[in-house]
Amino acid sequence: MKNKIEEIRKERGIRQEEFAKLMGVSRQTISSLETGKYNPSIFLAYKIAKYFEMTIEEVFIFDEEEI
């Protein structure tokens, strides 16, 4: 699943390490999310979207062909 986490995070001037602490995960988890190597739990996806004051659909791009 693709996402806009890195783009949004950088626009807001937040470092990976800082964002990871805010989300309660490791910096490596944020890095893996941003590179598409890891899909978040629905709880983490919701937490990220809520922090950015966006919907999950605005942050995460779901491609039905990936199913």
N, C-alpha and C. Protein backbone atom coordinates (compact mmCIF):
# COMPACT_ATOMS: atom_id res chain seq x y z
N MET A 1 0.84 -1.17 0.00
CA MET A 1 0.00 0.00 0.00
C MET A 1 0.89 1.24 0.00
N LYS A 2 0.58 2.15 -0.88
CA LYS A 2 1.35 3.40 -0.94
C LYS A 2 0.76 4.39 0.05
N ASN A 3 1.58 5.39 0.38
CA ASN A 3 1.10 6.41 1.31
C ASN A 3 1.85 7.72 1.08
N LYS A 4 1.35 8.75 1.73
CA LYS A 4 1.92 10.10 1.62
C LYS A 4 2.58 10.55 2.93
N ILE A 5 2.93 9.60 3.78
CA ILE A 5 3.45 9.94 5.10
C ILE A 5 4.70 10.81 4.99
N GLU A 6 5.67 10.38 4.19
CA GLU A 6 6.92 11.13 4.09
C GLU A 6 6.67 12.54 3.57
N GLU A 7 5.87 12.65 2.54
CA GLU A 7 5.55 13.96 1.96
C GLU A 7 4.90 14.89 2.99
N ILE A 8 3.91 14.39 3.70
CA ILE A 8 3.19 15.21 4.68
C ILE A 8 4.11 15.55 5.85
N ARG A 9 4.85 14.56 6.31
CA ARG A 9 5.76 14.77 7.45
C ARG A 9 6.79 15.85 7.13
N LYS A 10 7.38 15.78 5.93
CA LYS A 10 8.39 16.76 5.54
C LYS A 10 7.79 18.15 5.36
N GLU A 11 6.58 18.22 4.80
CA GLU A 11 5.90 19.51 4.64
C GLU A 11 5.71 20.20 5.99
N ARG A 12 5.52 19.39 7.02
CA ARG A 12 5.26 19.93 8.36
C ARG A 12 6.53 20.06 9.19
N GLY A 13 7.66 19.71 8.59
CA GLY A 13 8.95 19.88 9.27
C GLY A 13 9.18 18.94 10.44
N ILE A 14 8.66 17.72 10.33
CA ILE A 14 8.80 16.75 11.40
C ILE A 14 9.82 15.69 10.98
N ARG A 15 10.81 15.43 11.84
CA ARG A 15 11.81 14.39 11.56
C ARG A 15 11.22 13.01 11.81
N GLN A 16 11.76 12.00 11.15
CA GLN A 16 11.28 10.63 11.34
C GLN A 16 11.30 10.23 12.80
N GLU A 17 12.40 10.51 13.47
CA GLU A 17 12.55 10.11 14.87
C GLU A 17 11.48 10.76 15.74
N GLU A 18 11.24 12.03 15.52
CA GLU A 18 10.22 12.76 16.29
C GLU A 18 8.83 12.19 16.01
N PHE A 19 8.54 11.93 14.74
CA PHE A 19 7.24 11.39 14.37
C PHE A 19 7.03 10.00 14.96
N ALA A 20 8.09 9.20 14.94
CA ALA A 20 8.02 7.85 15.51
C ALA A 20 7.64 7.91 16.98
N LYS A 21 8.27 8.82 17.73
CA LYS A 21 7.95 8.96 19.16
C LYS A 21 6.49 9.36 19.35
N LEU A 22 6.03 10.29 18.54
CA LEU A 22 4.64 10.73 18.63
C LEU A 22 3.66 9.59 18.36
N MET A 23 4.04 8.67 17.45
CA MET A 23 3.18 7.56 17.08
C MET A 23 3.38 6.33 17.96
N GLY A 24 4.41 6.36 18.80
CA GLY A 24 4.67 5.23 19.69
C GLY A 24 5.29 4.03 19.00
N VAL A 25 6.05 4.30 17.93
CA VAL A 25 6.73 3.23 17.18
C VAL A 25 8.19 3.60 16.99
N SER A 26 8.97 2.71 16.41
CA SER A 26 10.38 2.98 16.17
C SER A 26 10.56 3.83 14.91
N ARG A 27 11.71 4.47 14.79
CA ARG A 27 12.04 5.22 13.58
C ARG A 27 12.08 4.27 12.39
N GLN A 28 12.53 3.04 12.61
CA GLN A 28 12.60 2.06 11.54
C GLN A 28 11.20 1.72 11.01
N THR A 29 10.22 1.72 11.89
CA THR A 29 8.83 1.47 11.46
C THR A 29 8.36 2.59 10.55
N ILE A 30 8.65 3.82 10.92
CA ILE A 30 8.25 4.96 10.08
C ILE A 30 8.97 4.88 8.73
N SER A 31 10.25 4.56 8.75
CA SER A 31 11.01 4.41 7.51
C SER A 31 10.40 3.33 6.63
N SER A 32 10.05 2.19 7.22
CA SER A 32 9.45 1.08 6.46
C SER A 32 8.08 1.45 5.91
N LEU A 33 7.31 2.21 6.67
CA LEU A 33 6.02 2.69 6.18
C LEU A 33 6.22 3.60 4.97
N GLU A 34 7.14 4.54 5.09
CA GLU A 34 7.37 5.52 4.03
C GLU A 34 7.87 4.88 2.74
N THR A 35 8.61 3.80 2.85
CA THR A 35 9.14 3.14 1.65
C THR A 35 8.20 2.05 1.13
N GLY A 36 7.09 1.84 1.82
CA GLY A 36 6.11 0.85 1.37
C GLY A 36 6.48 -0.59 1.71
N LYS A 37 7.44 -0.77 2.59
CA LYS A 37 7.86 -2.12 2.97
C LYS A 37 7.02 -2.69 4.11
N TYR A 38 6.18 -1.86 4.70
CA TYR A 38 5.38 -2.27 5.84
C TYR A 38 4.01 -1.62 5.76
N ASN A 39 2.97 -2.42 5.96
CA ASN A 39 1.61 -1.89 6.03
C ASN A 39 1.22 -1.77 7.49
N PRO A 40 0.70 -0.62 7.89
CA PRO A 40 0.37 -0.41 9.30
C PRO A 40 -0.89 -1.16 9.71
N SER A 41 -1.02 -1.36 11.00
CA SER A 41 -2.30 -1.87 11.53
C SER A 41 -3.33 -0.77 11.31
N ILE A 42 -4.58 -1.12 11.36
CA ILE A 42 -5.63 -0.11 11.18
C ILE A 42 -5.54 0.93 12.30
N PHE A 43 -5.14 0.49 13.48
CA PHE A 43 -5.00 1.42 14.61
C PHE A 43 -3.91 2.45 14.32
N LEU A 44 -2.74 1.99 13.83
CA LEU A 44 -1.65 2.92 13.53
C LEU A 44 -2.02 3.83 12.37
N ALA A 45 -2.67 3.28 11.35
CA ALA A 45 -3.10 4.11 10.20
C ALA A 45 -4.04 5.21 10.67
N TYR A 46 -4.96 4.87 11.56
CA TYR A 46 -5.90 5.85 12.10
C TYR A 46 -5.16 6.91 12.92
N LYS A 47 -4.21 6.46 13.74
CA LYS A 47 -3.45 7.38 14.59
C LYS A 47 -2.65 8.37 13.74
N ILE A 48 -2.03 7.88 12.67
CA ILE A 48 -1.27 8.74 11.77
C ILE A 48 -2.18 9.76 11.09
N ALA A 49 -3.28 9.28 10.54
CA ALA A 49 -4.22 10.17 9.86
C ALA A 49 -4.78 11.22 10.82
N LYS A 50 -5.13 10.80 12.02
CA LYS A 50 -5.68 11.73 13.01
C LYS A 50 -4.64 12.79 13.38
N TYR A 51 -3.38 12.37 13.55
CA TYR A 51 -2.33 13.33 13.88
C TYR A 51 -2.20 14.39 12.79
N PHE A 52 -2.28 13.98 11.53
CA PHE A 52 -2.17 14.90 10.41
C PHE A 52 -3.48 15.66 10.15
N GLU A 53 -4.52 15.35 10.91
CA GLU A 53 -5.85 15.94 10.74
C GLU A 53 -6.37 15.68 9.33
N MET A 54 -6.23 14.42 8.92
CA MET A 54 -6.67 13.97 7.61
C MET A 54 -7.42 12.65 7.78
N THR A 55 -8.05 12.19 6.70
CA THR A 55 -8.67 10.88 6.73
C THR A 55 -7.62 9.83 6.35
N ILE A 56 -7.90 8.59 6.68
CA ILE A 56 -6.99 7.51 6.31
C ILE A 56 -6.81 7.49 4.79
N GLU A 57 -7.89 7.72 4.06
CA GLU A 57 -7.85 7.70 2.59
C GLU A 57 -6.99 8.82 2.01
N GLU A 58 -6.84 9.92 2.74
CA GLU A 58 -6.00 11.02 2.27
C GLU A 58 -4.52 10.71 2.47
N VAL A 59 -4.20 9.86 3.43
CA VAL A 59 -2.81 9.53 3.74
C VAL A 59 -2.36 8.25 3.03
N PHE A 60 -3.25 7.26 2.99
CA PHE A 60 -2.92 5.96 2.42
C PHE A 60 -3.65 5.73 1.11
N ILE A 61 -2.93 5.26 0.11
CA ILE A 61 -3.50 5.02 -1.22
C ILE A 61 -3.70 3.52 -1.39
N PHE A 62 -4.96 3.11 -1.40
CA PHE A 62 -5.28 1.69 -1.52
C PHE A 62 -5.47 1.34 -2.98
N ASP A 63 -4.75 0.34 -3.44
CA ASP A 63 -4.85 -0.13 -4.82
C ASP A 63 -5.47 -1.51 -4.79
N GLU A 64 -6.70 -1.63 -5.30
CA GLU A 64 -7.41 -2.91 -5.26
C GLU A 64 -6.67 -4.01 -6.01
N GLU A 65 -5.81 -3.65 -6.93
CA GLU A 65 -5.05 -4.65 -7.68
C GLU A 65 -4.00 -5.33 -6.82
N GLU A 66 -3.69 -4.76 -5.65
CA GLU A 66 -2.71 -5.35 -4.75
C GLU A 66 -3.28 -6.50 -3.93
N ILE A 67 -4.59 -6.68 -4.00
CA ILE A 67 -5.24 -7.73 -3.19
C ILE A 67 -4.88 -9.09 -3.75
